[in-house]
Amino acid sequence: MPRFNLNEYDEVKDRIPLFYDHFPHGRITADVISEDSTGVTIKAYLWKNAEEQAANTPLATGLAREVPGGHIDKYTENGETSAIGRALANKNLIGEKGKKNQKRPSREEMESAQA
């Protein structure tokens, strides 16, 4: 079993406000890239503003794959949250705990690893 302390990781919900602090007109979107009986792959996008979104020039993206049968039965929603967390980390918006402990993954990602 992996050995780590979940309290050392920021939740995605706590990272999202960091994005909007830096980009007040920003947008966060996510698309299902693939979905079948084995799971779902989600890609999240961070946009500086509507113009950048229209030009298809994201600030960062993040991918996540989730499979059914984990500790969360809403695996599509969990995949979306994980993809957003990866996009935020790719833009170096990792939160206070992440900066302090040099922890890039989100708490949700580590909970999935633990499951």
PDB file of N, CA and C in Angstrom:
ATOM      1  N   MET A   1       0.842  -1.182   0.000  1.00  0.00           N
ATOM      2  CA  MET A   1       0.000   0.000   0.000  1.00  0.00           C
ATOM      3  C   MET A   1       0.887   1.245   0.000  1.00  0.00           C
ATOM      4  N   PRO A   2       0.552   2.250  -0.849  1.00  0.00           N
ATOM      5  CA  PRO A   2       1.369   3.461  -0.890  1.00  0.00           C
ATOM      6  C   PRO A   2       1.399   4.163   0.466  1.00  0.00           C
ATOM      7  N   ARG A   3       2.538   4.779   0.741  1.00  0.00           N
ATOM      8  CA  ARG A   3       2.680   5.513   1.997  1.00  0.00           C
ATOM      9  C   ARG A   3       2.786   6.998   1.688  1.00  0.00           C
ATOM     10  N   PHE A   4       1.716   7.717   2.010  1.00  0.00           N
ATOM     11  CA  PHE A   4       1.705   9.164   1.858  1.00  0.00           C
ATOM     12  C   PHE A   4       0.604   9.716   2.752  1.00  0.00           C
ATOM     13  N   ASN A   5       0.699  10.997   3.014  1.00  0.00           N
ATOM     14  CA  ASN A   5      -0.252  11.670   3.878  1.00  0.00           C
ATOM     15  C   ASN A   5      -1.151  12.545   3.013  1.00  0.00           C
ATOM     16  N   LEU A   6      -2.431  12.205   2.917  1.00  0.00           N
ATOM     17  CA  LEU A   6      -3.361  12.968   2.090  1.00  0.00           C
ATOM     18  C   LEU A   6      -3.467  14.422   2.534  1.00  0.00           C
ATOM     19  N   ASN A   7      -3.150  14.698   3.784  1.00  0.00           N
ATOM     20  CA  ASN A   7      -3.211  16.072   4.276  1.00  0.00           C
ATOM     21  C   ASN A   7      -2.134  16.964   3.666  1.00  0.00           C
ATOM     22  N   GLU A   8      -1.179  16.382   2.958  1.00  0.00           N
ATOM     23  CA  GLU A   8      -0.124  17.159   2.308  1.00  0.00           C
ATOM     24  C   GLU A   8      -0.496  17.591   0.894  1.00  0.00           C
ATOM     25  N   TYR A   9      -1.700  17.260   0.441  1.00  0.00           N
ATOM     26  CA  TYR A   9      -2.122  17.529  -0.925  1.00  0.00           C
ATOM     27  C   TYR A   9      -3.331  18.457  -0.934  1.00  0.00           C
ATOM     28  N   ASP A  10      -3.314  19.412  -1.871  1.00  0.00           N
ATOM     29  CA  ASP A  10      -4.439  20.326  -2.032  1.00  0.00           C
ATOM     30  C   ASP A  10      -5.535  19.669  -2.859  1.00  0.00           C
ATOM     31  N   GLU A  11      -6.777  19.968  -2.512  1.00  0.00           N
ATOM     32  CA  GLU A  11      -7.899  19.499  -3.303  1.00  0.00           C
ATOM     33  C   GLU A  11      -8.067  20.402  -4.519  1.00  0.00           C
ATOM     34  N   VAL A  12      -8.613  19.849  -5.584  1.00  0.00           N
ATOM     35  CA  VAL A  12      -8.826  20.622  -6.798  1.00  0.00           C
ATOM     36  C   VAL A  12      -9.733  21.817  -6.511  1.00  0.00           C
ATOM     37  N   LYS A  13     -10.752  21.637  -5.700  1.00  0.00           N
ATOM     38  CA  LYS A  13     -11.666  22.739  -5.382  1.00  0.00           C
ATOM     39  C   LYS A  13     -10.937  23.923  -4.743  1.00  0.00           C
ATOM     40  N   ASP A  14      -9.822  23.663  -4.104  1.00  0.00           N
ATOM     41  CA  ASP A  14      -9.034  24.734  -3.502  1.00  0.00           C
ATOM     42  C   ASP A  14      -8.036  25.340  -4.482  1.00  0.00           C
ATOM     43  N   ARG A  15      -7.758  24.653  -5.571  1.00  0.00           N
ATOM     44  CA  ARG A  15      -6.848  25.164  -6.605  1.00  0.00           C
ATOM     45  C   ARG A  15      -7.576  26.036  -7.617  1.00  0.00           C
ATOM     46  N   ILE A  16      -8.836  25.745  -7.867  1.00  0.00           N
ATOM     47  CA  ILE A  16      -9.600  26.484  -8.877  1.00  0.00           C
ATOM     48  C   ILE A  16      -9.610  27.989  -8.590  1.00  0.00           C
ATOM     49  N   PRO A  17      -9.836  28.435  -7.353  1.00  0.00           N
ATOM     50  CA  PRO A  17      -9.795  29.885  -7.103  1.00  0.00           C
ATOM     51  C   PRO A  17      -8.444  30.518  -7.446  1.00  0.00           C
ATOM     52  N   LEU A  18      -7.351  29.764  -7.346  1.00  0.00           N
ATOM     53  CA  LEU A  18      -6.036  30.290  -7.740  1.00  0.00           C
ATOM     54  C   LEU A  18      -6.036  30.652  -9.223  1.00  0.00           C
ATOM     55  N   PHE A  19      -6.666  29.810 -10.022  1.00  0.00           N
ATOM     56  CA  PHE A  19      -6.761  30.081 -11.449  1.00  0.00           C
ATOM     57  C   PHE A  19      -7.507  31.392 -11.690  1.00  0.00           C
ATOM     58  N   TYR A  20      -8.655  31.552 -11.052  1.00  0.00           N
ATOM     59  CA  TYR A  20      -9.453  32.760 -11.273  1.00  0.00           C
ATOM     60  C   TYR A  20      -8.809  34.004 -10.664  1.00  0.00           C
ATOM     61  N   ASP A  21      -7.990  33.834  -9.646  1.00  0.00           N
ATOM     62  CA  ASP A  21      -7.211  34.973  -9.126  1.00  0.00           C
ATOM     63  C   ASP A  21      -6.237  35.478 -10.187  1.00  0.00           C
ATOM     64  N   HIS A  22      -5.603  34.553 -10.901  1.00  0.00           N
ATOM     65  CA  HIS A  22      -4.635  34.920 -11.945  1.00  0.00           C
ATOM     66  C   HIS A  22      -5.312  35.328 -13.254  1.00  0.00           C
ATOM     67  N   PHE A  23      -6.460  34.731 -13.527  1.00  0.00           N
ATOM     68  CA  PHE A  23      -7.155  34.956 -14.797  1.00  0.00           C
ATOM     69  C   PHE A  23      -8.640  35.214 -14.520  1.00  0.00           C
ATOM     70  N   PRO A  24      -8.970  36.447 -14.108  1.00  0.00           N
ATOM     71  CA  PRO A  24     -10.357  36.751 -13.715  1.00  0.00           C
ATOM     72  C   PRO A  24     -11.392  36.495 -14.810  1.00  0.00           C
ATOM     73  N   HIS A  25     -10.981  36.536 -16.069  1.00  0.00           N
ATOM     74  CA  HIS A  25     -11.899  36.273 -17.176  1.00  0.00           C
ATOM     75  C   HIS A  25     -11.690  34.864 -17.741  1.00  0.00           C
ATOM     76  N   GLY A  26     -10.982  34.066 -16.989  1.00  0.00           N
ATOM     77  CA  GLY A  26     -10.645  32.718 -17.429  1.00  0.00           C
ATOM     78  C   GLY A  26     -11.839  31.787 -17.476  1.00  0.00           C
ATOM     79  N   ARG A  27     -11.607  30.673 -18.133  1.00  0.00           N
ATOM     80  CA  ARG A  27     -12.618  29.624 -18.250  1.00  0.00           C
ATOM     81  C   ARG A  27     -11.937  28.278 -18.083  1.00  0.00           C
ATOM     82  N   ILE A  28     -12.666  27.354 -17.497  1.00  0.00           N
ATOM     83  CA  ILE A  28     -12.212  25.970 -17.370  1.00  0.00           C
ATOM     84  C   ILE A  28     -13.257  25.109 -18.058  1.00  0.00           C
ATOM     85  N   THR A  29     -12.811  24.301 -19.001  1.00  0.00           N
ATOM     86  CA  THR A  29     -13.727  23.396 -19.693  1.00  0.00           C
ATOM     87  C   THR A  29     -13.135  21.991 -19.692  1.00  0.00           C
ATOM     88  N   ALA A  30     -13.985  21.026 -19.994  1.00  0.00           N
ATOM     89  CA  ALA A  30     -13.533  19.635 -20.060  1.00  0.00           C
ATOM     90  C   ALA A  30     -14.355  18.892 -21.101  1.00  0.00           C
ATOM     91  N   ASP A  31     -13.696  17.964 -21.792  1.00  0.00           N
ATOM     92  CA  ASP A  31     -14.352  17.129 -22.797  1.00  0.00           C
ATOM     93  C   ASP A  31     -14.077  15.665 -22.505  1.00  0.00           C
ATOM     94  N   VAL A  32     -15.053  14.840 -22.799  1.00  0.00           N
ATOM     95  CA  VAL A  32     -14.844  13.397 -22.765  1.00  0.00           C
ATOM     96  C   VAL A  32     -14.112  13.028 -24.052  1.00  0.00           C
ATOM     97  N   ILE A  33     -12.932  12.478 -23.911  1.00  0.00           N
ATOM     98  CA  ILE A  33     -12.133  12.068 -25.071  1.00  0.00           C
ATOM     99  C   ILE A  33     -12.553  10.679 -25.536  1.00  0.00           C
ATOM    100  N   SER A  34     -12.766   9.789 -24.583  1.00  0.00           N
ATOM    101  CA  SER A  34     -13.262   8.448 -24.909  1.00  0.00           C
ATOM    102  C   SER A  34     -13.997   7.892 -23.701  1.00  0.00           C
ATOM    103  N   GLU A  35     -14.961   7.050 -23.990  1.00  0.00           N
ATOM    104  CA  GLU A  35     -15.713   6.394 -22.917  1.00  0.00           C
ATOM    105  C   GLU A  35     -16.252   5.077 -23.443  1.00  0.00           C
ATOM    106  N   ASP A  36     -16.004   4.030 -22.674  1.00  0.00           N
ATOM    107  CA  ASP A  36     -16.553   2.722 -22.991  1.00  0.00           C
ATOM    108  C   ASP A  36     -16.698   1.954 -21.677  1.00  0.00           C
ATOM    109  N   SER A  37     -16.930   0.677 -21.759  1.00  0.00           N
ATOM    110  CA  SER A  37     -17.167  -0.111 -20.544  1.00  0.00           C
ATOM    111  C   SER A  37     -15.937  -0.208 -19.644  1.00  0.00           C
ATOM    112  N   THR A  38     -14.761   0.116 -20.191  1.00  0.00           N
ATOM    113  CA  THR A  38     -13.536   0.019 -19.386  1.00  0.00           C
ATOM    114  C   THR A  38     -13.211   1.313 -18.651  1.00  0.00           C
ATOM    115  N   GLY A  39     -13.868   2.410 -18.999  1.00  0.00           N
ATOM    116  CA  GLY A  39     -13.609   3.663 -18.304  1.00  0.00           C
ATOM    117  C   GLY A  39     -13.806   4.874 -19.188  1.00  0.00           C
ATOM    118  N   VAL A  40     -13.358   5.998 -18.677  1.00  0.00           N
ATOM    119  CA  VAL A  40     -13.536   7.267 -19.367  1.00  0.00           C
ATOM    120  C   VAL A  40     -12.228   8.059 -19.306  1.00  0.00           C
ATOM    121  N   THR A  41     -11.925   8.754 -20.398  1.00  0.00           N
ATOM    122  CA  THR A  41     -10.779   9.654 -20.440  1.00  0.00           C
ATOM    123  C   THR A  41     -11.297  11.055 -20.668  1.00  0.00           C
ATOM    124  N   ILE A  42     -10.876  11.968 -19.816  1.00  0.00           N
ATOM    125  CA  ILE A  42     -11.324  13.367 -19.844  1.00  0.00           C
ATOM    126  C   ILE A  42     -10.124  14.262 -20.109  1.00  0.00           C
ATOM    127  N   LYS A  43     -10.333  15.287 -20.916  1.00  0.00           N
ATOM    128  CA  LYS A  43      -9.310  16.305 -21.129  1.00  0.00           C
ATOM    129  C   LYS A  43      -9.873  17.640 -20.675  1.00  0.00           C
ATOM    130  N   ALA A  44      -9.145  18.305 -19.785  1.00  0.00           N
ATOM    131  CA  ALA A  44      -9.541  19.616 -19.279  1.00  0.00           C
ATOM    132  C   ALA A  44      -8.671  20.689 -19.918  1.00  0.00           C
ATOM    133  N   TYR A  45      -9.241  21.862 -20.059  1.00  0.00           N
ATOM    134  CA  TYR A  45      -8.565  22.998 -20.671  1.00  0.00           C
ATOM    135  C   TYR A  45      -8.678  24.208 -19.753  1.00  0.00           C
ATOM    136  N   LEU A  46      -7.604  24.966 -19.655  1.00  0.00           N
ATOM    137  CA  LEU A  46      -7.619  26.257 -18.978  1.00  0.00           C
ATOM    138  C   LEU A  46      -7.483  27.330 -20.047  1.00  0.00           C
ATOM    139  N   TRP A  47      -8.385  28.285 -20.025  1.00  0.00           N
ATOM    140  CA  TRP A  47      -8.387  29.374 -21.002  1.00  0.00           C
ATOM    141  C   TRP A  47      -8.210  30.697 -20.280  1.00  0.00           C
ATOM    142  N   LYS A  48      -7.415  31.584 -20.854  1.00  0.00           N
ATOM    143  CA  LYS A  48      -7.202  32.923 -20.291  1.00  0.00           C
ATOM    144  C   LYS A  48      -8.487  33.743 -20.347  1.00  0.00           C
ATOM    145  N   ASN A  49      -9.234  33.593 -21.436  1.00  0.00           N
ATOM    146  CA  ASN A  49     -10.476  34.342 -21.619  1.00  0.00           C
ATOM    147  C   ASN A  49     -11.240  33.737 -22.801  1.00  0.00           C
ATOM    148  N   ALA A  50     -12.378  34.322 -23.125  1.00  0.00           N
ATOM    149  CA  ALA A  50     -13.208  33.795 -24.210  1.00  0.00           C
ATOM    150  C   ALA A  50     -12.503  33.888 -25.560  1.00  0.00           C
ATOM    151  N   GLU A  51     -11.725  34.933 -25.755  1.00  0.00           N
ATOM    152  CA  GLU A  51     -11.019  35.105 -27.029  1.00  0.00           C
ATOM    153  C   GLU A  51      -9.992  33.984 -27.233  1.00  0.00           C
ATOM    154  N   GLU A  52      -9.260  33.647 -26.181  1.00  0.00           N
ATOM    155  CA  GLU A  52      -8.283  32.566 -26.272  1.00  0.00           C
ATOM    156  C   GLU A  52      -8.983  31.220 -26.503  1.00  0.00           C
ATOM    157  N   GLN A  53     -10.159  31.069 -25.909  1.00  0.00           N
ATOM    158  CA  GLN A  53     -10.914  29.839 -26.131  1.00  0.00           C
ATOM    159  C   GLN A  53     -11.376  29.771 -27.589  1.00  0.00           C
ATOM    160  N   ALA A  54     -11.870  30.888 -28.129  1.00  0.00           N
ATOM    161  CA  ALA A  54     -12.308  30.925 -29.529  1.00  0.00           C
ATOM    162  C   ALA A  54     -11.148  30.652 -30.483  1.00  0.00           C
ATOM    163  N   ALA A  55      -9.946  31.093 -30.097  1.00  0.00           N
ATOM    164  CA  ALA A  55      -8.765  30.866 -30.925  1.00  0.00           C
ATOM    165  C   ALA A  55      -8.160  29.478 -30.694  1.00  0.00           C
ATOM    166  N   ASN A  56      -8.738  28.717 -29.768  1.00  0.00           N
ATOM    167  CA  ASN A  56      -8.270  27.374 -29.418  1.00  0.00           C
ATOM    168  C   ASN A  56      -6.797  27.382 -28.974  1.00  0.00           C
ATOM    169  N   THR A  57      -6.474  28.324 -28.083  1.00  0.00           N
ATOM    170  CA  THR A  57      -5.118  28.433 -27.550  1.00  0.00           C
ATOM    171  C   THR A  57      -5.171  28.350 -26.017  1.00  0.00           C
ATOM    172  N   PRO A  58      -5.302  27.141 -25.493  1.00  0.00           N
ATOM    173  CA  PRO A  58      -5.396  27.004 -24.042  1.00  0.00           C
ATOM    174  C   PRO A  58      -4.077  27.351 -23.344  1.00  0.00           C
ATOM    175  N   LEU A  59      -4.204  27.813 -22.118  1.00  0.00           N
ATOM    176  CA  LEU A  59      -3.034  28.051 -21.271  1.00  0.00           C
ATOM    177  C   LEU A  59      -2.394  26.733 -20.859  1.00  0.00           C
ATOM    178  N   ALA A  60      -3.233  25.737 -20.602  1.00  0.00           N
ATOM    179  CA  ALA A  60      -2.763  24.420 -20.178  1.00  0.00           C
ATOM    180  C   ALA A  60      -3.894  23.419 -20.379  1.00  0.00           C
ATOM    181  N   THR A  61      -3.512  22.153 -20.453  1.00  0.00           N
ATOM    182  CA  THR A  61      -4.488  21.072 -20.529  1.00  0.00           C
ATOM    183  C   THR A  61      -4.104  19.999 -19.519  1.00  0.00           C
ATOM    184  N   GLY A  62      -5.023  19.110 -19.262  1.00  0.00           N
ATOM    185  CA  GLY A  62      -4.753  17.979 -18.386  1.00  0.00           C
ATOM    186  C   GLY A  62      -5.619  16.799 -18.776  1.00  0.00           C
ATOM    187  N   LEU A  63      -5.059  15.612 -18.724  1.00  0.00           N
ATOM    188  CA  LEU A  63      -5.785  14.379 -19.040  1.00  0.00           C
ATOM    189  C   LEU A  63      -5.933  13.524 -17.790  1.00  0.00           C
ATOM    190  N   ALA A  64      -7.040  12.825 -17.721  1.00  0.00           N
ATOM    191  CA  ALA A  64      -7.225  11.860 -16.635  1.00  0.00           C
ATOM    192  C   ALA A  64      -8.063  10.693 -17.153  1.00  0.00           C
ATOM    193  N   ARG A  65      -7.747   9.518 -16.688  1.00  0.00           N
ATOM    194  CA  ARG A  65      -8.509   8.307 -17.025  1.00  0.00           C
ATOM    195  C   ARG A  65      -9.031   7.709 -15.733  1.00  0.00           C
ATOM    196  N   GLU A  66     -10.296   7.407 -15.728  1.00  0.00           N
ATOM    197  CA  GLU A  66     -10.922   6.767 -14.573  1.00  0.00           C
ATOM    198  C   GLU A  66     -11.625   5.506 -15.036  1.00  0.00           C
ATOM    199  N   VAL A  67     -11.649   4.525 -14.165  1.00  0.00           N
ATOM    200  CA  VAL A  67     -12.303   3.255 -14.472  1.00  0.00           C
ATOM    201  C   VAL A  67     -13.411   2.998 -13.464  1.00  0.00           C
ATOM    202  N   PRO A  68     -14.445   2.270 -13.878  1.00  0.00           N
ATOM    203  CA  PRO A  68     -15.498   1.934 -12.927  1.00  0.00           C
ATOM    204  C   PRO A  68     -14.976   1.003 -11.838  1.00  0.00           C
ATOM    205  N   GLY A  69     -15.636   1.045 -10.705  1.00  0.00           N
ATOM    206  CA  GLY A  69     -15.311   0.117  -9.638  1.00  0.00           C
ATOM    207  C   GLY A  69     -14.347   0.651  -8.606  1.00  0.00           C
ATOM    208  N   GLY A  70     -13.968   1.893  -8.701  1.00  0.00           N
ATOM    209  CA  GLY A  70     -13.077   2.475  -7.697  1.00  0.00           C
ATOM    210  C   GLY A  70     -13.839   2.845  -6.440  1.00  0.00           C
ATOM    211  N   HIS A  71     -13.220   3.657  -5.615  1.00  0.00           N
ATOM    212  CA  HIS A  71     -13.857   4.036  -4.355  1.00  0.00           C
ATOM    213  C   HIS A  71     -14.923   5.110  -4.551  1.00  0.00           C
ATOM    214  N   ILE A  72     -15.007   5.682  -5.767  1.00  0.00           N
ATOM    215  CA  ILE A  72     -16.043   6.671  -6.071  1.00  0.00           C
ATOM    216  C   ILE A  72     -16.861   6.135  -7.228  1.00  0.00           C
ATOM    217  N   ASP A  73     -18.191   6.006  -7.032  1.00  0.00           N
ATOM    218  CA  ASP A  73     -19.011   5.418  -8.081  1.00  0.00           C
ATOM    219  C   ASP A  73     -19.272   6.386  -9.228  1.00  0.00           C
ATOM    220  N   LYS A  74     -19.060   7.656  -9.037  1.00  0.00           N
ATOM    221  CA  LYS A  74     -19.235   8.638 -10.107  1.00  0.00           C
ATOM    222  C   LYS A  74     -17.885   8.891 -10.770  1.00  0.00           C
ATOM    223  N   TYR A  75     -17.398   7.896 -11.466  1.00  0.00           N
ATOM    224  CA  TYR A  75     -16.033   7.966 -11.979  1.00  0.00           C
ATOM    225  C   TYR A  75     -15.876   8.985 -13.104  1.00  0.00           C
ATOM    226  N   THR A  76     -16.933   9.289 -13.855  1.00  0.00           N
ATOM    227  CA  THR A  76     -16.815  10.315 -14.889  1.00  0.00           C
ATOM    228  C   THR A  76     -16.581  11.677 -14.251  1.00  0.00           C
ATOM    229  N   GLU A  77     -17.346  11.990 -13.224  1.00  0.00           N
ATOM    230  CA  GLU A  77     -17.173  13.260 -12.518  1.00  0.00           C
ATOM    231  C   GLU A  77     -15.804  13.325 -11.852  1.00  0.00           C
ATOM    232  N   ASN A  78     -15.370  12.219 -11.286  1.00  0.00           N
ATOM    233  CA  ASN A  78     -14.052  12.164 -10.661  1.00  0.00           C
ATOM    234  C   ASN A  78     -12.956  12.368 -11.713  1.00  0.00           C
ATOM    235  N   GLY A  79     -13.153  11.801 -12.892  1.00  0.00           N
ATOM    236  CA  GLY A  79     -12.198  11.987 -13.981  1.00  0.00           C
ATOM    237  C   GLY A  79     -12.112  13.442 -14.407  1.00  0.00           C
ATOM    238  N   GLU A  80     -13.246  14.110 -14.447  1.00  0.00           N
ATOM    239  CA  GLU A  80     -13.251  15.527 -14.805  1.00  0.00           C
ATOM    240  C   GLU A  80     -12.469  16.341 -13.771  1.00  0.00           C
ATOM    241  N   THR A  81     -12.722  16.070 -12.503  1.00  0.00           N
ATOM    242  CA  THR A  81     -12.005  16.771 -11.441  1.00  0.00           C
ATOM    243  C   THR A  81     -10.510  16.503 -11.528  1.00  0.00           C
ATOM    244  N   SER A  82     -10.133  15.258 -11.777  1.00  0.00           N
ATOM    245  CA  SER A  82      -8.713  14.924 -11.891  1.00  0.00           C
ATOM    246  C   SER A  82      -8.075  15.618 -13.085  1.00  0.00           C
ATOM    247  N   ALA A  83      -8.786  15.657 -14.212  1.00  0.00           N
ATOM    248  CA  ALA A  83      -8.245  16.329 -15.400  1.00  0.00           C
ATOM    249  C   ALA A  83      -8.053  17.816 -15.136  1.00  0.00           C
ATOM    250  N   ILE A  84      -9.001  18.434 -14.463  1.00  0.00           N
ATOM    251  CA  ILE A  84      -8.863  19.848 -14.113  1.00  0.00           C
ATOM    252  C   ILE A  84      -7.669  20.038 -13.184  1.00  0.00           C
ATOM    253  N   GLY A  85      -7.523  19.152 -12.211  1.00  0.00           N
ATOM    254  CA  GLY A  85      -6.378  19.236 -11.303  1.00  0.00           C
ATOM    255  C   GLY A  85      -5.057  19.117 -12.040  1.00  0.00           C
ATOM    256  N   ARG A  86      -4.984  18.256 -13.028  1.00  0.00           N
ATOM    257  CA  ARG A  86      -3.753  18.110 -13.820  1.00  0.00           C
ATOM    258  C   ARG A  86      -3.486  19.363 -14.648  1.00  0.00           C
ATOM    259  N   ALA A  87      -4.536  19.933 -15.235  1.00  0.00           N
ATOM    260  CA  ALA A  87      -4.356  21.168 -16.007  1.00  0.00           C
ATOM    261  C   ALA A  87      -3.852  22.291 -15.093  1.00  0.00           C
ATOM    262  N   LEU A  88      -4.431  22.395 -13.908  1.00  0.00           N
ATOM    263  CA  LEU A  88      -3.986  23.423 -12.962  1.00  0.00           C
ATOM    264  C   LEU A  88      -2.530  23.194 -12.567  1.00  0.00           C
ATOM    265  N   ALA A  89      -2.155  21.952 -12.334  1.00  0.00           N
ATOM    266  CA  ALA A  89      -0.764  21.649 -11.984  1.00  0.00           C
ATOM    267  C   ALA A  89       0.161  21.969 -13.154  1.00  0.00           C
ATOM    268  N   ASN A  90      -0.295  21.699 -14.379  1.00  0.00           N
ATOM    269  CA  ASN A  90       0.525  22.002 -15.552  1.00  0.00           C
ATOM    270  C   ASN A  90       0.732  23.502 -15.727  1.00  0.00           C
ATOM    271  N   LYS A  91      -0.167  24.301 -15.161  1.00  0.00           N
ATOM    272  CA  LYS A  91      -0.010  25.757 -15.171  1.00  0.00           C
ATOM    273  C   LYS A  91       0.673  26.231 -13.882  1.00  0.00           C
ATOM    274  N   ASN A  92       1.129  25.282 -13.079  1.00  0.00           N
ATOM    275  CA  ASN A  92       1.824  25.531 -11.809  1.00  0.00           C
ATOM    276  C   ASN A  92       0.932  26.200 -10.767  1.00  0.00           C
ATOM    277  N   LEU A  93      -0.352  25.889 -10.792  1.00  0.00           N
ATOM    278  CA  LEU A  93      -1.289  26.354  -9.778  1.00  0.00           C
ATOM    279  C   LEU A  93      -1.560  25.179  -8.843  1.00  0.00           C
ATOM    280  N   ILE A  94      -0.623  24.961  -7.930  1.00  0.00           N
ATOM    281  CA  ILE A  94      -0.654  23.740  -7.127  1.00  0.00           C
ATOM    282  C   ILE A  94      -1.149  23.950  -5.705  1.00  0.00           C
ATOM    283  N   GLY A  95      -1.354  25.165  -5.267  1.00  0.00           N
ATOM    284  CA  GLY A  95      -1.873  25.414  -3.935  1.00  0.00           C
ATOM    285  C   GLY A  95      -0.788  25.519  -2.886  1.00  0.00           C
ATOM    286  N   GLU A  96      -1.196  25.952  -1.711  1.00  0.00           N
ATOM    287  CA  GLU A  96      -0.245  26.200  -0.623  1.00  0.00           C
ATOM    288  C   GLU A  96       0.427  24.928  -0.124  1.00  0.00           C
ATOM    289  N   LYS A  97      -0.357  23.872   0.064  1.00  0.00           N
ATOM    290  CA  LYS A  97       0.235  22.617   0.540  1.00  0.00           C
ATOM    291  C   LYS A  97       1.219  22.077  -0.490  1.00  0.00           C
ATOM    292  N   GLY A  98       0.845  22.166  -1.763  1.00  0.00           N
ATOM    293  CA  GLY A  98       1.721  21.695  -2.827  1.00  0.00           C
ATOM    294  C   GLY A  98       3.032  22.450  -2.860  1.00  0.00           C
ATOM    295  N   LYS A  99       2.967  23.758  -2.690  1.00  0.00           N
ATOM    296  CA  LYS A  99       4.196  24.561  -2.680  1.00  0.00           C
ATOM    297  C   LYS A  99       5.059  24.213  -1.478  1.00  0.00           C
ATOM    298  N   LYS A 100       4.417  24.076  -0.337  1.00  0.00           N
ATOM    299  CA  LYS A 100       5.142  23.791   0.903  1.00  0.00           C
ATOM    300  C   LYS A 100       5.810  22.416   0.850  1.00  0.00           C
ATOM    301  N   ASN A 101       5.089  21.431   0.348  1.00  0.00           N
ATOM    302  CA  ASN A 101       5.571  20.048   0.374  1.00  0.00           C
ATOM    303  C   ASN A 101       6.081  19.556  -0.971  1.00  0.00           C
ATOM    304  N   GLN A 102       6.118  20.452  -1.972  1.00  0.00           N
ATOM    305  CA  GLN A 102       6.538  20.067  -3.326  1.00  0.00           C
ATOM    306  C   GLN A 102       5.692  18.915  -3.863  1.00  0.00           C
ATOM    307  N   LYS A 103       4.371  19.013  -3.644  1.00  0.00           N
ATOM    308  CA  LYS A 103       3.435  17.977  -4.081  1.00  0.00           C
ATOM    309  C   LYS A 103       2.614  18.481  -5.253  1.00  0.00           C
ATOM    310  N   ARG A 104       2.866  17.991  -6.433  1.00  0.00           N
ATOM    311  CA  ARG A 104       2.167  18.419  -7.634  1.00  0.00           C
ATOM    312  C   ARG A 104       0.783  17.772  -7.786  1.00  0.00           C
ATOM    313  N   PRO A 105       0.616  16.493  -7.485  1.00  0.00           N
ATOM    314  CA  PRO A 105      -0.703  15.879  -7.676  1.00  0.00           C
ATOM    315  C   PRO A 105      -1.743  16.493  -6.744  1.00  0.00           C
ATOM    316  N   SER A 106      -2.995  16.342  -7.112  1.00  0.00           N
ATOM    317  CA  SER A 106      -4.077  16.794  -6.243  1.00  0.00           C
ATOM    318  C   SER A 106      -4.384  15.719  -5.209  1.00  0.00           C
ATOM    319  N   ARG A 107      -5.097  16.110  -4.205  1.00  0.00           N
ATOM    320  CA  ARG A 107      -5.513  15.153  -3.186  1.00  0.00           C
ATOM    321  C   ARG A 107      -6.368  14.060  -3.826  1.00  0.00           C
ATOM    322  N   GLU A 108      -7.228  14.445  -4.769  1.00  0.00           N
ATOM    323  CA  GLU A 108      -8.099  13.462  -5.436  1.00  0.00           C
ATOM    324  C   GLU A 108      -7.273  12.419  -6.186  1.00  0.00           C
ATOM    325  N   GLU A 109      -6.206  12.856  -6.843  1.00  0.00           N
ATOM    326  CA  GLU A 109      -5.342  11.899  -7.550  1.00  0.00           C
ATOM    327  C   GLU A 109      -4.701  10.921  -6.572  1.00  0.00           C
ATOM    328  N   MET A 110      -4.276  11.424  -5.432  1.00  0.00           N
ATOM    329  CA  MET A 110      -3.642  10.565  -4.448  1.00  0.00           C
ATOM    330  C   MET A 110      -4.656   9.625  -3.795  1.00  0.00           C
ATOM    331  N   GLU A 111      -5.897  10.078  -3.637  1.00  0.00           N
ATOM    332  CA  GLU A 111      -6.931   9.184  -3.118  1.00  0.00           C
ATOM    333  C   GLU A 111      -7.183   8.050  -4.107  1.00  0.00           C
ATOM    334  N   SER A 112      -7.141   8.358  -5.418  1.00  0.00           N
ATOM    335  CA  SER A 112      -7.303   7.313  -6.429  1.00  0.00           C
ATOM    336  C   SER A 112      -6.145   6.334  -6.366  1.00  0.00           C
ATOM    337  N   ALA A 113      -4.940   6.861  -6.169  1.00  0.00           N
ATOM    338  CA  ALA A 113      -3.761   5.988  -6.067  1.00  0.00           C
ATOM    339  C   ALA A 113      -3.867   5.089  -4.850  1.00  0.00           C
ATOM    340  N   GLN A 114      -4.441   5.612  -3.797  1.00  0.00           N
ATOM    341  CA  GLN A 114      -4.576   4.851  -2.561  1.00  0.00           C
ATOM    342  C   GLN A 114      -5.606   3.746  -2.709  1.00  0.00           C
ATOM    343  N   ALA A 115      -6.659   3.985  -3.531  1.00  0.00           N
ATOM    344  CA  ALA A 115      -7.785   3.045  -3.649  1.00  0.00           C
ATOM    345  C   ALA A 115      -7.414   1.769  -4.328  1.00  0.00           C
TER     346      ALA A 115
END
